[in-house]
Protein backbone atom coordinates (compact mmCIF):
# COMPACT_ATOMS: atom_id res chain seq x y z
CA MET A 1 30.70 24.25 15.24
CA ILE A 2 34.17 23.14 14.11
CA ILE A 3 35.55 19.82 15.42
CA THR A 4 39.26 19.00 15.11
CA ASN A 5 39.91 16.04 17.47
CA LYS A 6 41.84 18.35 19.79
CA GLY A 7 41.09 18.19 23.50
CA LYS A 8 38.13 16.18 24.82
CA GLN A 9 35.81 16.95 21.89
CA THR A 10 36.53 14.42 19.16
CA ILE A 11 34.53 13.81 16.01
CA GLN A 12 33.36 10.46 17.40
CA SER A 13 32.19 12.01 20.69
CA SER A 14 30.32 14.64 18.65
CA ILE A 15 28.62 11.90 16.64
CA GLU A 16 27.64 10.14 19.87
CA GLN A 17 26.15 13.38 21.24
CA CYS A 18 24.14 13.81 18.03
CA LEU A 19 22.80 10.26 18.38
CA LYS A 20 21.34 11.12 21.81
CA LYS A 21 19.25 13.87 20.16
CA CYS A 22 18.23 11.72 17.22
CA SER A 23 14.86 9.95 17.11
CA SER A 24 15.01 6.17 16.84
CA THR A 25 12.79 6.45 13.75
CA GLU A 26 15.52 8.27 11.82
CA CYS A 27 17.73 6.34 9.42
CA LEU A 28 21.40 7.31 9.96
CA GLU A 29 23.29 7.79 6.69
CA ILE A 30 27.07 7.65 6.34
CA ALA A 31 29.28 8.22 3.32
CA SER A 32 32.93 7.43 3.94
CA ALA A 33 35.71 6.53 1.53
CA PHE A 34 37.58 4.49 4.15
CA PHE A 35 36.12 2.44 6.98
CA SER A 36 37.48 0.69 10.08
CA GLN A 37 35.17 1.71 12.91
CA SER A 38 32.69 -1.13 13.35
CA ASN A 39 32.02 -0.40 17.04
CA LEU A 40 30.46 2.96 16.21
CA LEU A 41 28.06 1.48 13.64
CA LEU A 42 27.10 -1.41 15.92
CA GLU A 43 26.29 1.12 18.63
CA MET A 44 24.21 3.18 16.19
CA ALA A 45 22.35 0.06 15.06
CA ARG A 46 21.15 -0.66 18.60
CA THR A 47 18.53 2.09 18.21
CA ASN A 48 18.46 3.14 14.55
CA GLN A 49 18.59 1.89 10.99
CA VAL A 50 22.04 2.62 9.55
CA LYS A 51 23.06 2.95 5.90
CA ILE A 52 26.70 3.29 4.92
CA VAL A 53 28.32 3.73 1.52
CA LEU A 54 32.05 3.02 1.56
CA ARG A 55 34.93 2.13 -0.72
CA LEU A 56 36.15 -1.46 -0.92
CA GLU A 57 39.77 -0.59 -1.55
CA GLU A 58 42.96 -0.01 0.41
CA GLY A 59 42.10 2.15 3.42
CA THR A 60 39.05 0.06 4.34
CA ASN A 61 39.65 -2.73 6.86
CA TYR A 62 38.28 -6.11 5.76
CA LYS A 63 37.89 -7.47 9.31
CA GLU A 64 35.96 -4.37 10.41
CA VAL A 65 33.59 -4.66 7.45
CA VAL A 66 32.96 -8.32 8.34
CA LYS A 67 31.87 -7.22 11.84
CA ILE A 68 29.01 -5.11 10.43
CA PHE A 69 28.11 -7.33 7.47
CA ASN A 70 24.58 -8.82 7.70
CA LYS A 71 24.10 -7.26 11.13
CA HIS A 72 20.66 -6.13 12.34
CA ASN A 73 19.75 -2.58 11.23
CA ILE A 74 22.91 -2.12 9.09
CA GLN A 75 22.89 -1.90 5.29
CA ILE A 76 26.13 -1.61 3.31
CA ARG A 77 26.79 -0.51 -0.24
CA PHE A 78 30.14 0.12 -1.86
CA PHE A 79 32.18 1.51 -4.73
CA ARG A 80 35.47 0.26 -6.09
CA GLY A 81 38.24 2.35 -7.53
CA ASP A 82 39.50 5.67 -6.19
CA LEU A 83 36.75 8.10 -7.26
CA PHE A 84 34.44 7.77 -4.22
CA HIS A 85 35.84 10.13 -1.59
CA PRO A 86 33.14 11.89 0.52
CA LYS A 87 33.00 11.95 4.33
CA PHE A 88 29.76 12.87 6.05
CA PHE A 89 27.33 11.61 8.67
CA ILE A 90 23.60 12.48 8.59
CA MET A 91 21.71 11.99 11.85
CA GLY A 92 18.16 13.33 11.77
CA ASN A 93 18.34 17.12 11.44
CA GLN A 94 22.07 17.11 12.18
CA ALA A 95 25.09 16.39 10.02
CA ILE A 96 28.86 16.23 10.39
CA ILE A 97 30.82 16.97 7.23
CA GLY A 98 34.55 17.29 6.76
CA SER A 99 37.86 15.54 6.26
CA ALA A 100 37.39 12.56 8.61
CA ASN A 101 36.71 9.06 7.33
CA CYS A 102 34.78 6.57 9.46
CA THR A 103 37.99 5.12 10.90
CA GLY A 104 39.37 5.05 14.43
CA LYS A 105 42.14 7.52 13.64
CA GLY A 106 39.93 9.77 11.55
CA LEU A 107 37.27 10.11 14.24
CA ASN A 108 39.59 10.31 17.25
CA ASN A 109 43.29 10.92 16.58
CA ASN A 110 44.16 12.51 13.24
CA TYR A 111 44.38 16.22 12.60
CA GLU A 112 40.96 16.65 11.00
CA ALA A 113 38.54 19.50 10.39
CA CYS A 114 34.80 18.82 10.41
CA ILE A 115 31.77 21.00 10.86
CA LEU A 116 28.71 20.07 12.94
CA LEU A 117 25.49 21.50 11.53
CA HIS A 118 21.92 21.63 12.86
CA ASP A 119 18.79 22.29 10.75
CA PHE A 120 20.96 23.79 8.02
CA GLU A 121 19.70 24.84 4.60
CA GLY A 122 21.74 22.30 2.67
CA LEU A 123 20.51 19.24 4.59
CA LYS A 124 18.00 18.44 1.84
CA ASP A 125 20.77 18.56 -0.78
CA LEU A 126 23.08 16.43 1.37
CA ARG A 127 20.39 13.77 1.76
CA MET A 128 19.79 13.86 -1.97
CA ILE A 129 23.53 13.37 -2.60
CA PHE A 130 23.53 10.36 -0.26
CA ASP A 131 20.49 8.89 -2.02
CA GLN A 132 22.30 9.23 -5.36
CA TYR A 133 25.36 7.46 -3.93
CA TRP A 134 23.09 4.73 -2.54
CA LEU A 135 21.42 4.13 -5.88
CA GLU A 136 24.70 4.06 -7.81
CA ALA A 137 26.65 1.90 -5.34
CA LYS A 138 26.57 -1.89 -5.30
CA GLU A 139 25.03 -3.90 -2.50
CA LEU A 140 27.64 -5.76 -0.49
CA THR A 141 27.27 -9.54 -0.81
CA MET A 142 29.27 -12.43 0.59
CA LEU A 143 30.82 -12.95 -2.86
CA GLU A 144 32.01 -9.33 -2.98
CA LEU A 145 33.29 -9.58 0.58
CA GLU A 146 35.32 -12.69 -0.25
CA ASP A 147 36.76 -10.90 -3.29
CA PHE A 148 37.72 -7.95 -1.07
CA LYS A 149 39.42 -10.32 1.37
CA LYS A 150 41.59 -11.73 -1.44
CA ARG A 151 42.43 -8.28 -2.80
CA SER A 152 43.18 -6.85 0.64
CA LYS A 153 46.13 -9.23 0.98
CA SER A 154 47.94 -7.32 -1.77
CA PHE A 155 47.34 -3.88 -0.24
CA HIS A 156 50.49 -1.90 0.60
CA ARG A 157 52.39 -3.97 -1.97
CA SER A 158 50.83 -3.02 -5.27
CA THR A 159 47.90 -1.28 -6.85
CA SER A 160 45.78 -4.33 -7.45
CA TYR A 161 42.82 -2.65 -9.07
CA LYS A 162 42.39 0.11 -11.58
CA ALA A 163 39.02 1.86 -11.61
CA SER A 164 36.87 1.69 -14.68
CA LYS A 165 34.24 4.28 -15.53
CA ASN A 166 31.47 1.89 -14.56
CA ASP A 167 32.74 1.19 -11.04
CA SER A 168 31.93 4.58 -9.55
CA LYS A 169 29.32 5.79 -12.02
CA LYS A 170 26.43 3.80 -13.36
CA GLY A 171 24.97 6.69 -15.26
CA THR A 172 22.89 9.68 -14.27
CA PRO A 173 19.54 8.85 -12.66
CA SER A 174 16.50 9.76 -14.75
CA ASN A 175 14.51 12.95 -14.21
CA SER A 176 11.73 10.99 -12.45
CA VAL A 177 14.25 9.50 -10.03
CA MET A 178 15.86 12.88 -9.33
CA ARG A 179 12.47 14.46 -8.68
CA TYR A 180 11.61 11.69 -6.24
CA LEU A 181 14.94 12.02 -4.39
CA GLU A 182 14.49 15.78 -4.12
CA PHE A 183 10.92 15.35 -2.87
CA LYS A 184 12.04 12.70 -0.35
CA SER A 185 14.76 14.99 1.04
CA GLU A 186 12.37 17.93 1.40
CA PHE A 187 9.71 15.70 2.96
CA GLU A 188 12.18 14.39 5.56
CA ILE A 189 13.09 17.93 6.61
CA LEU A 190 9.39 18.73 7.03
CA ARG A 191 8.86 15.49 9.00
CA VAL A 192 11.55 16.50 11.52
CA ARG A 193 9.75 19.82 12.13
CA TYR A 194 6.32 18.15 12.20
CA GLN A 195 7.43 15.59 14.79
CA ALA A 196 9.14 18.29 16.86
CA PHE A 197 5.73 19.99 17.18
CA LYS A 198 4.72 16.97 19.33
CA GLN A 199 1.06 17.09 18.39
CA ARG A 200 -0.73 14.70 16.05
CA LYS A 201 -4.09 14.71 14.33
CA TYR A 202 -4.17 10.91 14.40
CA THR A 203 -2.43 8.39 16.61
CA GLU A 204 0.43 6.46 15.02
CA ASP A 205 -1.36 3.13 15.32
CA LEU A 206 -4.21 4.51 13.19
CA VAL A 207 -2.33 6.67 10.70
CA PRO A 208 1.46 6.53 10.18
CA ILE A 209 3.25 9.88 10.45
CA ASN A 210 4.18 9.92 6.75
CA LEU A 211 0.52 9.52 5.78
CA GLU A 212 -0.59 12.25 8.17
CA ILE A 213 1.98 14.64 6.69
CA ASP A 214 0.74 13.69 3.22
CA LYS A 215 -2.76 14.77 4.27
CA TYR A 216 -1.31 17.97 5.75
CA LEU A 217 0.30 18.76 2.39
CA TYR A 218 -3.00 18.09 0.62
CA TRP A 219 -4.82 20.38 3.07
CA LEU A 220 -2.14 23.06 2.70
CA GLN A 221 -2.24 22.95 -1.09
CA HIS A 222 -6.04 23.37 -1.14
CA ASN A 223 -6.34 25.97 1.62
CA LYS A 224 -3.22 28.16 1.68
CA LYS A 225 -1.08 30.24 -0.65
CA ALA A 226 2.62 30.75 0.00
CA GLU A 227 2.60 34.51 -0.56
CA ILE A 228 -0.24 35.00 1.95
CA LEU A 229 1.52 32.84 4.52
CA ARG A 230 4.72 34.85 4.08
CA SER A 231 3.00 38.24 4.32
CA SER A 232 1.04 37.22 7.42
CA ASN A 233 4.16 35.92 9.20
CA THR A 234 2.35 32.67 9.99
CA SER A 235 4.67 29.95 11.28
CA LEU A 236 4.82 26.38 10.04
CA GLU A 237 3.69 25.21 13.46
CA LYS A 238 0.56 27.39 13.30
CA THR A 239 -0.47 25.81 10.01
CA ILE A 240 0.13 22.34 11.46
CA LEU A 241 -2.11 23.19 14.42
CA GLU A 242 -4.77 24.58 12.09
CA PHE A 243 -4.63 21.35 10.08
CA ILE A 244 -4.88 19.22 13.22
CA ASN A 245 -8.00 21.12 14.29
CA SER A 246 -9.62 21.05 10.84
CA PRO A 247 -12.51 18.67 9.97
CA ASP A 248 -11.27 15.30 8.75
CA GLU A 249 -14.24 14.06 6.74
CA SER A 250 -12.56 14.73 3.39
CA GLU A 251 -9.40 12.93 4.52
CA LYS A 252 -10.95 9.72 5.77
CA GLU A 253 -11.59 8.21 2.35
CA ALA A 254 -8.09 9.03 1.11
CA ILE A 255 -6.55 7.54 4.26
CA GLU A 256 -8.63 4.38 3.84
CA HIS A 257 -7.48 4.00 0.23
CA ALA A 258 -3.81 4.41 1.22
CA MET A 259 -4.12 1.91 4.06
CA LYS A 260 -5.75 -0.63 1.72
CA ILE A 261 -2.63 -0.47 -0.47
CA LYS A 262 -0.45 -1.17 2.56
CA ALA A 263 -2.60 -3.99 3.94
CA ASN A 264 -3.93 -5.92 0.96
CA ASN A 265 -1.65 -6.69 -1.97
CA PRO A 266 -3.38 -9.03 -4.46
CA PHE A 267 -0.16 -9.47 -6.45
CA SER A 268 1.20 -11.48 -3.52
CA ARG A 269 -1.65 -13.99 -3.94
CA PRO A 270 -1.42 -16.30 -7.00
CA SER A 271 -5.19 -16.86 -7.01
CA SER A 272 -6.07 -13.14 -7.41
CA THR A 273 -8.06 -12.19 -10.51
CA ASP A 274 -7.40 -9.25 -12.82
CA GLU A 275 -10.56 -7.61 -11.46
CA GLU A 276 -9.23 -7.83 -7.90
CA LYS A 277 -5.89 -6.42 -8.99
CA LEU A 278 -7.53 -3.54 -10.85
CA SER A 279 -9.80 -2.80 -7.89
CA TRP A 280 -6.73 -2.62 -5.64
CA LEU A 281 -4.86 -0.37 -8.08
CA ASN A 282 -7.84 1.98 -8.14
CA ASN A 283 -6.94 2.95 -4.58
CA ILE A 284 -4.07 4.88 -6.20
CA TYR A 285 -5.39 8.35 -6.93
CA SER A 286 -2.98 9.01 -9.84
CA PHE A 287 -3.98 5.78 -11.58
CA LYS A 288 -7.71 6.33 -10.99
CA GLN A 289 -7.45 9.92 -12.26
CA TYR A 290 -5.66 8.67 -15.39
CA GLN A 291 -8.53 6.27 -16.05
CA GLN A 292 -11.13 9.00 -15.68
CA ARG A 293 -9.18 11.28 -18.00
CA PHE A 294 -9.02 8.64 -20.71
CA ALA A 295 -12.63 7.43 -20.61
CA LYS A 296 -11.96 4.81 -17.95
CA SER A 297 -9.67 2.90 -20.27
CA ALA A 298 -6.46 2.92 -18.27
CA GLY A 299 -7.24 -0.29 -16.44
CA ALA A 300 -8.20 -2.00 -19.66
CA LYS A 301 -5.06 -0.60 -21.31
CA LEU A 302 -2.86 -1.86 -18.50
CA PHE A 303 -4.13 -5.42 -18.80
CA LYS A 304 -4.45 -5.32 -22.58
CA ALA A 305 -1.10 -3.73 -23.45
CA ASN A 306 0.93 -5.94 -21.12
CA LYS A 307 1.12 -9.67 -20.72
CA SER A 308 -0.25 -10.99 -17.46
CA ASP A 309 3.17 -12.40 -16.55
CA ALA A 310 4.82 -9.01 -17.15
CA ILE A 311 2.25 -7.23 -14.94
CA ASN A 312 2.76 -9.72 -12.12
CA LYS A 313 6.55 -9.49 -12.40
CA PHE A 314 6.48 -5.68 -12.36
CA PHE A 315 4.41 -5.34 -9.18
CA ASP A 316 6.06 -8.29 -7.46
CA TYR A 317 9.48 -6.72 -8.11
CA LEU A 318 8.48 -3.18 -7.09
CA LEU A 319 6.77 -4.24 -3.88
CA ASN A 320 8.45 -7.48 -2.83
CA GLY A 321 11.75 -7.77 -4.72
CA ASN A 322 14.98 -8.76 -3.02
CA ASP A 323 16.76 -5.48 -3.85
CA GLU A 324 16.67 -2.49 -1.51
CA PRO A 325 13.29 -0.68 -1.98
CA LEU A 326 14.74 2.60 -3.25
CA GLY A 327 16.78 0.73 -5.84
CA ARG A 328 13.64 -1.09 -7.04
CA LEU A 329 11.81 2.21 -7.32
CA LYS A 330 14.67 3.60 -9.41
CA THR A 331 14.56 0.59 -11.75
CA CYS A 332 10.80 0.87 -12.26
CA LEU A 333 10.88 4.65 -12.77
CA GLU A 334 13.58 4.33 -15.38
CA ALA A 335 11.26 1.84 -17.10
CA HIS A 336 13.50 -0.43 -19.12
CA GLY A 337 13.87 -4.15 -19.75
CA ASP A 338 11.70 -6.59 -17.84
CA HIS A 339 10.42 -3.85 -15.56
CA LYS A 340 8.79 -1.68 -18.20
CA LEU A 341 4.98 -1.56 -17.99
CA GLU A 342 2.66 0.28 -20.38
CA GLY A 343 -0.20 2.26 -18.84
CA PHE A 344 1.33 2.69 -15.39
CA GLY A 345 3.32 5.91 -15.27
CA ALA A 346 5.78 7.56 -12.87
CA SER A 347 3.07 9.29 -10.77
CA SER A 348 1.27 5.99 -10.19
CA ILE A 349 4.54 4.22 -9.38
CA THR A 350 5.69 6.74 -6.74
CA GLU A 351 2.23 6.93 -5.16
CA LEU A 352 1.93 3.13 -4.97
CA PHE A 353 5.46 2.83 -3.59
CA GLY A 354 4.81 5.46 -0.91
CA CYS A 355 1.51 3.89 0.18
CA TYR A 356 2.98 0.39 0.32
CA TYR A 357 6.10 1.53 2.23
CA ILE A 358 4.32 4.28 4.17
CA ASP A 359 6.31 3.64 7.36
CA GLU A 360 9.61 4.26 5.55
CA TYR A 361 9.00 6.47 2.50
CA PRO A 362 6.77 9.44 1.60
CA ILE A 363 3.92 9.36 -0.91
CA LYS A 364 4.94 11.51 -3.88
CA THR A 365 2.00 12.89 -5.87
CA SER A 366 1.58 16.14 -7.79
CA THR A 367 -0.54 17.48 -4.89
CA ALA A 368 2.11 16.58 -2.31
CA GLU A 369 4.77 18.25 -4.49
CA LYS A 370 2.68 21.43 -4.62
CA GLY A 371 2.25 21.30 -0.84
CA ILE A 372 6.01 20.88 -0.36
CA ASN A 373 6.59 23.87 -2.65
CA ILE A 374 4.29 25.99 -0.46
CA VAL A 375 6.23 24.89 2.64
CA LYS A 376 9.55 25.73 0.98
CA SER A 377 8.38 29.09 -0.32
CA ALA A 378 6.60 30.21 2.86
CA PHE A 379 8.77 28.77 5.60
CA PHE A 380 12.13 27.72 4.13
CA PRO A 381 12.89 30.44 1.54
CA GLU A 382 16.32 30.17 -0.05
């Protein structure tokens, strides 16, 4: 559907209609070079988490940014310079992409051309693009906001800032980060379909939806082959129902391990011993498997190859740092500086991160990746 701001159907009214169809559990993601429409974001934030990446340059209204700064459910990141120029809105399984910035004129008055898409093939890629922007952009702080206020006084009179290479690009994310972002995007598409099925194997208070889907992917990877699913014309929903009705004995232990990670973090307790920390880490399948593969030496290697202070700093930063969680994951996956830890690889990091933040992020393991690949091949072929 094409939206042009002509007649009664404006881009803003289309966004508002999309919001009515969007689950309150979905995080709304906006990329807009210019911004001056605080009322729309405040309305979105009444029911949903909202993330916006914008440009702190001429074209963005300082007073409107102030209205959404530090507001409940709204997170803001920004670029400087003139290289950041996308315009799109992701709302669950819907997206609006086109020429309109998140400004009053752009969404309601200007001659614009945007397209409204539902369940489209490129949604995964669009989410991945947003995640890359989010990782590369800077978090908006009061200091940055004050600087923008000073600079905004010179707008329309001179070009007060010239972009440097580092302002809009901080370097290409590592392969581990890119693989996680791709997995996250594919998982979120599957979650929309899974939730639309409106049947659960476990209630949400017992097992979060992300953890249930993780167990579905494990079941799928061990019980189904993509080519057989394709040839039999089995639907995704039929496999979900089969999973829901399958015995759960083999899942219970794995669910208990994941929930222990979420509920009991020894690194948040100064009095915890190395034995308690290692016992907790052994709930991570990737880490435990690594130990078994190397004659049960991984735990010893972790605590022998790294100073105790470095271990504590690593896990405290990954799980409880002040930065946005996805940014912390990126830092730890890229493994440099103070956050590098020997004996705890990318698979263990993403699994731990997913278990600890199970309400917000998926658990990425090699098994879950294989399950996602079956889903893609059998039900979402390119």
